Amino acid sequence: MGVYPYGMGKPRDDKDAVVDTARDLAEIAAHIGQLKGDANAYLRDPNYTTLRLEAAHSAVEAATIEARRRVRLNEGRDS
């Protein structure tokens, strides 16, 4: 072990940073995988069929309202 200036420890090299970043990314990927598994289990549960249908209906309704808004905006430009 050598002596480094200003009482600092051994300077990190790029390899250490890459290893740390890869470890962090692997942890994040594992967490995302776990969340994906939880979401799939939730969405496949028959108890939530009604909720999924209501969410789909709400999405269609929101898209319809947005489409009508855009039509009104375009009609105002044509005038």
PDB file of N, CA and C in Angstrom:
ATOM      1  N   MET A   1       0.852  -1.190   0.000  1.00  0.00           N
ATOM      2  CA  MET A   1       0.000   0.000   0.000  1.00  0.00           C
ATOM      3  C   MET A   1       0.882   1.231   0.000  1.00  0.00           C
ATOM      4  N   GLY A   2       0.686   2.095  -0.962  1.00  0.00           N
ATOM      5  CA  GLY A   2       1.517   3.281  -1.084  1.00  0.00           C
ATOM      6  C   GLY A   2       0.925   4.467  -0.349  1.00  0.00           C
ATOM      7  N   VAL A   3       1.698   5.527  -0.301  1.00  0.00           N
ATOM      8  CA  VAL A   3       1.248   6.756   0.342  1.00  0.00           C
ATOM      9  C   VAL A   3       0.770   7.700  -0.749  1.00  0.00           C
ATOM     10  N   TYR A   4      -0.394   8.274  -0.533  1.00  0.00           N
ATOM     11  CA  TYR A   4      -0.966   9.182  -1.520  1.00  0.00           C
ATOM     12  C   TYR A   4      -1.001  10.583  -0.941  1.00  0.00           C
ATOM     13  N   PRO A   5      -0.865  11.592  -1.789  1.00  0.00           N
ATOM     14  CA  PRO A   5      -0.785  12.977  -1.308  1.00  0.00           C
ATOM     15  C   PRO A   5      -2.057  13.431  -0.603  1.00  0.00           C
ATOM     16  N   TYR A   6      -1.872  14.381   0.275  1.00  0.00           N
ATOM     17  CA  TYR A   6      -2.975  15.052   0.979  1.00  0.00           C
ATOM     18  C   TYR A   6      -3.800  14.113   1.840  1.00  0.00           C
ATOM     19  N   GLY A   7      -3.225  12.991   2.257  1.00  0.00           N
ATOM     20  CA  GLY A   7      -3.926  12.091   3.152  1.00  0.00           C
ATOM     21  C   GLY A   7      -5.112  11.382   2.525  1.00  0.00           C
ATOM     22  N   MET A   8      -5.200  11.416   1.200  1.00  0.00           N
ATOM     23  CA  MET A   8      -6.323  10.771   0.517  1.00  0.00           C
ATOM     24  C   MET A   8      -6.037   9.296   0.339  1.00  0.00           C
ATOM     25  N   GLY A   9      -7.060   8.531   0.210  1.00  0.00           N
ATOM     26  CA  GLY A   9      -6.907   7.119  -0.081  1.00  0.00           C
ATOM     27  C   GLY A   9      -6.518   6.917  -1.527  1.00  0.00           C
ATOM     28  N   LYS A  10      -6.415   5.672  -1.902  1.00  0.00           N
ATOM     29  CA  LYS A  10      -6.049   5.330  -3.269  1.00  0.00           C
ATOM     30  C   LYS A  10      -7.088   5.888  -4.237  1.00  0.00           C
ATOM     31  N   PRO A  11      -6.621   6.602  -5.277  1.00  0.00           N
ATOM     32  CA  PRO A  11      -7.593   7.146  -6.244  1.00  0.00           C
ATOM     33  C   PRO A  11      -8.283   6.009  -6.996  1.00  0.00           C
ATOM     34  N   ARG A  12      -9.551   6.212  -7.279  1.00  0.00           N
ATOM     35  CA  ARG A  12     -10.321   5.212  -8.012  1.00  0.00           C
ATOM     36  C   ARG A  12      -9.954   5.283  -9.480  1.00  0.00           C
ATOM     37  N   ASP A  13      -9.905   4.157 -10.113  1.00  0.00           N
ATOM     38  CA  ASP A  13      -9.690   4.171 -11.555  1.00  0.00           C
ATOM     39  C   ASP A  13     -11.033   3.938 -12.254  1.00  0.00           C
ATOM     40  N   ASP A  14     -11.017   4.064 -13.549  1.00  0.00           N
ATOM     41  CA  ASP A  14     -12.258   3.950 -14.320  1.00  0.00           C
ATOM     42  C   ASP A  14     -12.879   2.560 -14.203  1.00  0.00           C
ATOM     43  N   LYS A  15     -12.047   1.540 -14.015  1.00  0.00           N
ATOM     44  CA  LYS A  15     -12.561   0.180 -13.910  1.00  0.00           C
ATOM     45  C   LYS A  15     -13.468   0.043 -12.689  1.00  0.00           C
ATOM     46  N   ASP A  16     -13.075   0.660 -11.561  1.00  0.00           N
ATOM     47  CA  ASP A  16     -13.911   0.621 -10.358  1.00  0.00           C
ATOM     48  C   ASP A  16     -15.258   1.297 -10.612  1.00  0.00           C
ATOM     49  N   ALA A  17     -15.234   2.423 -11.309  1.00  0.00           N
ATOM     50  CA  ALA A  17     -16.471   3.144 -11.597  1.00  0.00           C
ATOM     51  C   ALA A  17     -17.385   2.323 -12.499  1.00  0.00           C
ATOM     52  N   VAL A  18     -16.800   1.639 -13.477  1.00  0.00           N
ATOM     53  CA  VAL A  18     -17.598   0.819 -14.392  1.00  0.00           C
ATOM     54  C   VAL A  18     -18.224  -0.348 -13.632  1.00  0.00           C
ATOM     55  N   VAL A  19     -17.454  -0.964 -12.750  1.00  0.00           N
ATOM     56  CA  VAL A  19     -17.975  -2.082 -11.962  1.00  0.00           C
ATOM     57  C   VAL A  19     -19.111  -1.611 -11.063  1.00  0.00           C
ATOM     58  N   ASP A  20     -18.934  -0.451 -10.428  1.00  0.00           N
ATOM     59  CA  ASP A  20     -19.984   0.097  -9.569  1.00  0.00           C
ATOM     60  C   ASP A  20     -21.237   0.406 -10.372  1.00  0.00           C
ATOM     61  N   THR A  21     -21.068   1.000 -11.540  1.00  0.00           N
ATOM     62  CA  THR A  21     -22.214   1.335 -12.388  1.00  0.00           C
ATOM     63  C   THR A  21     -22.926   0.067 -12.847  1.00  0.00           C
ATOM     64  N   ALA A  22     -22.173  -0.947 -13.247  1.00  0.00           N
ATOM     65  CA  ALA A  22     -22.785  -2.201 -13.678  1.00  0.00           C
ATOM     66  C   ALA A  22     -23.553  -2.845 -12.527  1.00  0.00           C
ATOM     67  N   ARG A  23     -23.002  -2.788 -11.338  1.00  0.00           N
ATOM     68  CA  ARG A  23     -23.677  -3.353 -10.167  1.00  0.00           C
ATOM     69  C   ARG A  23     -24.982  -2.590  -9.891  1.00  0.00           C
ATOM     70  N   ASP A  24     -24.920  -1.260  -9.985  1.00  0.00           N
ATOM     71  CA  ASP A  24     -26.122  -0.447  -9.766  1.00  0.00           C
ATOM     72  C   ASP A  24     -27.187  -0.755 -10.814  1.00  0.00           C
ATOM     73  N   LEU A  25     -26.767  -0.863 -12.071  1.00  0.00           N
ATOM     74  CA  LEU A  25     -27.730  -1.151 -13.141  1.00  0.00           C
ATOM     75  C   LEU A  25     -28.344  -2.534 -12.986  1.00  0.00           C
ATOM     76  N   ALA A  26     -27.547  -3.502 -12.543  1.00  0.00           N
ATOM     77  CA  ALA A  26     -28.080  -4.844 -12.322  1.00  0.00           C
ATOM     78  C   ALA A  26     -29.124  -4.829 -11.209  1.00  0.00           C
ATOM     79  N   GLU A  27     -28.868  -4.045 -10.175  1.00  0.00           N
ATOM     80  CA  GLU A  27     -29.829  -3.932  -9.074  1.00  0.00           C
ATOM     81  C   GLU A  27     -31.126  -3.279  -9.548  1.00  0.00           C
ATOM     82  N   ILE A  28     -30.989  -2.236 -10.356  1.00  0.00           N
ATOM     83  CA  ILE A  28     -32.175  -1.549 -10.898  1.00  0.00           C
ATOM     84  C   ILE A  28     -32.964  -2.497 -11.804  1.00  0.00           C
ATOM     85  N   ALA A  29     -32.264  -3.247 -12.658  1.00  0.00           N
ATOM     86  CA  ALA A  29     -32.935  -4.189 -13.558  1.00  0.00           C
ATOM     87  C   ALA A  29     -33.678  -5.261 -12.767  1.00  0.00           C
ATOM     88  N   ALA A  30     -33.070  -5.735 -11.682  1.00  0.00           N
ATOM     89  CA  ALA A  30     -33.740  -6.743 -10.851  1.00  0.00           C
ATOM     90  C   ALA A  30     -34.999  -6.166 -10.220  1.00  0.00           C
ATOM     91  N   HIS A  31     -34.923  -4.929  -9.776  1.00  0.00           N
ATOM     92  CA  HIS A  31     -36.089  -4.285  -9.163  1.00  0.00           C
ATOM     93  C   HIS A  31     -37.200  -4.092 -10.197  1.00  0.00           C
ATOM     94  N   ILE A  32     -36.838  -3.663 -11.401  1.00  0.00           N
ATOM     95  CA  ILE A  32     -37.836  -3.485 -12.460  1.00  0.00           C
ATOM     96  C   ILE A  32     -38.475  -4.825 -12.811  1.00  0.00           C
ATOM     97  N   GLY A  33     -37.671  -5.887 -12.861  1.00  0.00           N
ATOM     98  CA  GLY A  33     -38.209  -7.211 -13.129  1.00  0.00           C
ATOM     99  C   GLY A  33     -39.197  -7.649 -12.067  1.00  0.00           C
ATOM    100  N   GLN A  34     -38.875  -7.352 -10.821  1.00  0.00           N
ATOM    101  CA  GLN A  34     -39.788  -7.694  -9.728  1.00  0.00           C
ATOM    102  C   GLN A  34     -41.098  -6.912  -9.858  1.00  0.00           C
ATOM    103  N   LEU A  35     -41.000  -5.626 -10.160  1.00  0.00           N
ATOM    104  CA  LEU A  35     -42.203  -4.808 -10.334  1.00  0.00           C
ATOM    105  C   LEU A  35     -43.038  -5.305 -11.510  1.00  0.00           C
ATOM    106  N   LYS A  36     -42.369  -5.702 -12.587  1.00  0.00           N
ATOM    107  CA  LYS A  36     -43.080  -6.225 -13.756  1.00  0.00           C
ATOM    108  C   LYS A  36     -43.831  -7.502 -13.384  1.00  0.00           C
ATOM    109  N   GLY A  37     -43.180  -8.373 -12.622  1.00  0.00           N
ATOM    110  CA  GLY A  37     -43.839  -9.595 -12.179  1.00  0.00           C
ATOM    111  C   GLY A  37     -45.043  -9.305 -11.308  1.00  0.00           C
ATOM    112  N   ASP A  38     -44.892  -8.355 -10.389  1.00  0.00           N
ATOM    113  CA  ASP A  38     -46.010  -7.967  -9.533  1.00  0.00           C
ATOM    114  C   ASP A  38     -47.163  -7.406 -10.360  1.00  0.00           C
ATOM    115  N   ALA A  39     -46.834  -6.550 -11.338  1.00  0.00           N
ATOM    116  CA  ALA A  39     -47.880  -5.946 -12.178  1.00  0.00           C
ATOM    117  C   ALA A  39     -48.601  -7.017 -12.997  1.00  0.00           C
ATOM    118  N   ASN A  40     -47.845  -7.965 -13.552  1.00  0.00           N
ATOM    119  CA  ASN A  40     -48.482  -9.027 -14.334  1.00  0.00           C
ATOM    120  C   ASN A  40     -49.391  -9.885 -13.465  1.00  0.00           C
ATOM    121  N   ALA A  41     -48.942 -10.197 -12.257  1.00  0.00           N
ATOM    122  CA  ALA A  41     -49.781 -10.991 -11.351  1.00  0.00           C
ATOM    123  C   ALA A  41     -51.050 -10.219 -11.001  1.00  0.00           C
ATOM    124  N   TYR A  42     -50.911  -8.928 -10.777  1.00  0.00           N
ATOM    125  CA  TYR A  42     -52.050  -8.083 -10.444  1.00  0.00           C
ATOM    126  C   TYR A  42     -53.042  -8.023 -11.603  1.00  0.00           C
ATOM    127  N   LEU A  43     -52.508  -7.827 -12.805  1.00  0.00           N
ATOM    128  CA  LEU A  43     -53.381  -7.675 -13.967  1.00  0.00           C
ATOM    129  C   LEU A  43     -54.059  -8.973 -14.371  1.00  0.00           C
ATOM    130  N   ARG A  44     -53.465 -10.108 -14.038  1.00  0.00           N
ATOM    131  CA  ARG A  44     -54.063 -11.394 -14.394  1.00  0.00           C
ATOM    132  C   ARG A  44     -55.045 -11.902 -13.339  1.00  0.00           C
ATOM    133  N   ASP A  45     -55.107 -11.254 -12.204  1.00  0.00           N
ATOM    134  CA  ASP A  45     -56.001 -11.676 -11.128  1.00  0.00           C
ATOM    135  C   ASP A  45     -57.446 -11.440 -11.562  1.00  0.00           C
ATOM    136  N   PRO A  46     -58.284 -12.480 -11.563  1.00  0.00           N
ATOM    137  CA  PRO A  46     -59.674 -12.322 -12.022  1.00  0.00           C
ATOM    138  C   PRO A  46     -60.480 -11.329 -11.185  1.00  0.00           C
ATOM    139  N   ASN A  47     -60.056 -11.066  -9.957  1.00  0.00           N
ATOM    140  CA  ASN A  47     -60.778 -10.105  -9.123  1.00  0.00           C
ATOM    141  C   ASN A  47     -60.695  -8.681  -9.671  1.00  0.00           C
ATOM    142  N   TYR A  48     -59.734  -8.432 -10.552  1.00  0.00           N
ATOM    143  CA  TYR A  48     -59.536  -7.075 -11.054  1.00  0.00           C
ATOM    144  C   TYR A  48     -60.018  -6.901 -12.492  1.00  0.00           C
ATOM    145  N   THR A  49     -60.788  -7.859 -13.008  1.00  0.00           N
ATOM    146  CA  THR A  49     -61.299  -7.762 -14.369  1.00  0.00           C
ATOM    147  C   THR A  49     -62.134  -6.502 -14.552  1.00  0.00           C
ATOM    148  N   THR A  50     -63.020  -6.244 -13.602  1.00  0.00           N
ATOM    149  CA  THR A  50     -63.877  -5.053 -13.692  1.00  0.00           C
ATOM    150  C   THR A  50     -63.042  -3.785 -13.677  1.00  0.00           C
ATOM    151  N   LEU A  51     -62.034  -3.763 -12.827  1.00  0.00           N
ATOM    152  CA  LEU A  51     -61.172  -2.587 -12.755  1.00  0.00           C
ATOM    153  C   LEU A  51     -60.459  -2.354 -14.080  1.00  0.00           C
ATOM    154  N   ARG A  52     -59.959  -3.427 -14.710  1.00  0.00           N
ATOM    155  CA  ARG A  52     -59.276  -3.282 -16.001  1.00  0.00           C
ATOM    156  C   ARG A  52     -60.236  -2.778 -17.069  1.00  0.00           C
ATOM    157  N   LEU A  53     -61.470  -3.284 -17.052  1.00  0.00           N
ATOM    158  CA  LEU A  53     -62.456  -2.821 -18.031  1.00  0.00           C
ATOM    159  C   LEU A  53     -62.789  -1.352 -17.807  1.00  0.00           C
ATOM    160  N   GLU A  54     -62.918  -0.956 -16.549  1.00  0.00           N
ATOM    161  CA  GLU A  54     -63.198   0.449 -16.260  1.00  0.00           C
ATOM    162  C   GLU A  54     -62.035   1.337 -16.695  1.00  0.00           C
ATOM    163  N   ALA A  55     -60.814   0.877 -16.476  1.00  0.00           N
ATOM    164  CA  ALA A  55     -59.643   1.653 -16.896  1.00  0.00           C
ATOM    165  C   ALA A  55     -59.600   1.777 -18.416  1.00  0.00           C
ATOM    166  N   ALA A  56     -59.923   0.686 -19.123  1.00  0.00           N
ATOM    167  CA  ALA A  56     -59.950   0.730 -20.582  1.00  0.00           C
ATOM    168  C   ALA A  56     -61.045   1.674 -21.067  1.00  0.00           C
ATOM    169  N   HIS A  57     -62.207   1.620 -20.429  1.00  0.00           N
ATOM    170  CA  HIS A  57     -63.310   2.512 -20.803  1.00  0.00           C
ATOM    171  C   HIS A  57     -62.908   3.964 -20.578  1.00  0.00           C
ATOM    172  N   SER A  58     -62.261   4.249 -19.470  1.00  0.00           N
ATOM    173  CA  SER A  58     -61.814   5.618 -19.177  1.00  0.00           C
ATOM    174  C   SER A  58     -60.808   6.100 -20.211  1.00  0.00           C
ATOM    175  N   ALA A  59     -59.904   5.221 -20.625  1.00  0.00           N
ATOM    176  CA  ALA A  59     -58.910   5.603 -21.631  1.00  0.00           C
ATOM    177  C   ALA A  59     -59.579   5.925 -22.961  1.00  0.00           C
ATOM    178  N   VAL A  60     -60.564   5.121 -23.353  1.00  0.00           N
ATOM    179  CA  VAL A  60     -61.282   5.373 -24.605  1.00  0.00           C
ATOM    180  C   VAL A  60     -62.054   6.689 -24.506  1.00  0.00           C
ATOM    181  N   GLU A  61     -62.686   6.908 -23.372  1.00  0.00           N
ATOM    182  CA  GLU A  61     -63.441   8.150 -23.182  1.00  0.00           C
ATOM    183  C   GLU A  61     -62.523   9.368 -23.243  1.00  0.00           C
ATOM    184  N   ALA A  62     -61.366   9.275 -22.606  1.00  0.00           N
ATOM    185  CA  ALA A  62     -60.411  10.393 -22.633  1.00  0.00           C
ATOM    186  C   ALA A  62     -59.918  10.645 -24.060  1.00  0.00           C
ATOM    187  N   ALA A  63     -59.659   9.580 -24.815  1.00  0.00           N
ATOM    188  CA  ALA A  63     -59.218   9.746 -26.199  1.00  0.00           C
ATOM    189  C   ALA A  63     -60.309  10.385 -27.049  1.00  0.00           C
ATOM    190  N   THR A  64     -61.560  10.013 -26.804  1.00  0.00           N
ATOM    191  CA  THR A  64     -62.684  10.606 -27.544  1.00  0.00           C
ATOM    192  C   THR A  64     -62.797  12.096 -27.253  1.00  0.00           C
ATOM    193  N   ILE A  65     -62.687  12.453 -25.988  1.00  0.00           N
ATOM    194  CA  ILE A  65     -62.763  13.872 -25.609  1.00  0.00           C
ATOM    195  C   ILE A  65     -61.628  14.651 -26.249  1.00  0.00           C
ATOM    196  N   GLU A  66     -60.421  14.087 -26.237  1.00  0.00           N
ATOM    197  CA  GLU A  66     -59.273  14.766 -26.855  1.00  0.00           C
ATOM    198  C   GLU A  66     -59.481  14.911 -28.355  1.00  0.00           C
ATOM    199  N   ALA A  67     -60.013  13.893 -28.999  1.00  0.00           N
ATOM    200  CA  ALA A  67     -60.264  13.971 -30.441  1.00  0.00           C
ATOM    201  C   ALA A  67     -61.286  15.063 -30.747  1.00  0.00           C
ATOM    202  N   ARG A  68     -62.343  15.139 -29.948  1.00  0.00           N
ATOM    203  CA  ARG A  68     -63.351  16.197 -30.153  1.00  0.00           C
ATOM    204  C   ARG A  68     -62.740  17.578 -29.951  1.00  0.00           C
ATOM    205  N   ARG A  69     -61.878  17.714 -28.958  1.00  0.00           N
ATOM    206  CA  ARG A  69     -61.224  19.004 -28.700  1.00  0.00           C
ATOM    207  C   ARG A  69     -60.372  19.417 -29.899  1.00  0.00           C
ATOM    208  N   ARG A  70     -59.632  18.445 -30.438  1.00  0.00           N
ATOM    209  CA  ARG A  70     -58.782  18.758 -31.595  1.00  0.00           C
ATOM    210  C   ARG A  70     -59.606  19.129 -32.819  1.00  0.00           C
ATOM    211  N   VAL A  71     -60.744  18.462 -32.999  1.00  0.00           N
ATOM    212  CA  VAL A  71     -61.621  18.795 -34.123  1.00  0.00           C
ATOM    213  C   VAL A  71     -62.123  20.224 -33.972  1.00  0.00           C
ATOM    214  N   ARG A  72     -62.544  20.589 -32.755  1.00  0.00           N
ATOM    215  CA  ARG A  72     -63.026  21.967 -32.521  1.00  0.00           C
ATOM    216  C   ARG A  72     -61.916  22.966 -32.789  1.00  0.00           C
ATOM    217  N   LEU A  73     -60.691  22.665 -32.360  1.00  0.00           N
ATOM    218  CA  LEU A  73     -59.575  23.583 -32.605  1.00  0.00           C
ATOM    219  C   LEU A  73     -59.315  23.726 -34.102  1.00  0.00           C
ATOM    220  N   ASN A  74     -59.364  22.618 -34.831  1.00  0.00           N
ATOM    221  CA  ASN A  74     -59.130  22.666 -36.278  1.00  0.00           C
ATOM    222  C   ASN A  74     -60.259  23.392 -36.994  1.00  0.00           C
ATOM    223  N   GLU A  75     -61.502  23.244 -36.521  1.00  0.00           N
ATOM    224  CA  GLU A  75     -62.609  23.962 -37.147  1.00  0.00           C
ATOM    225  C   GLU A  75     -62.451  25.460 -36.950  1.00  0.00           C
ATOM    226  N   GLY A  76     -61.905  25.882 -35.818  1.00  0.00           N
ATOM    227  CA  GLY A  76     -61.678  27.301 -35.579  1.00  0.00           C
ATOM    228  C   GLY A  76     -60.617  27.871 -36.494  1.00  0.00           C
ATOM    229  N   ARG A  77     -59.672  27.073 -36.921  1.00  0.00           N
ATOM    230  CA  ARG A  77     -58.613  27.534 -37.842  1.00  0.00           C
ATOM    231  C   ARG A  77     -59.132  27.660 -39.254  1.00  0.00           C
ATOM    232  N   ASP A  78     -60.107  26.825 -39.612  1.00  0.00           N
ATOM    233  CA  ASP A  78     -60.641  26.843 -40.973  1.00  0.00           C
ATOM    234  C   ASP A  78     -61.509  28.073 -41.221  1.00  0.00           C
ATOM    235  N   SER A  79     -62.036  28.659 -40.169  1.00  0.00           N
ATOM    236  CA  SER A  79     -62.958  29.779 -40.331  1.00  0.00           C
ATOM    237  C   SER A  79     -62.263  31.040 -40.756  1.00  0.00           C
TER     238      SER A  79
END
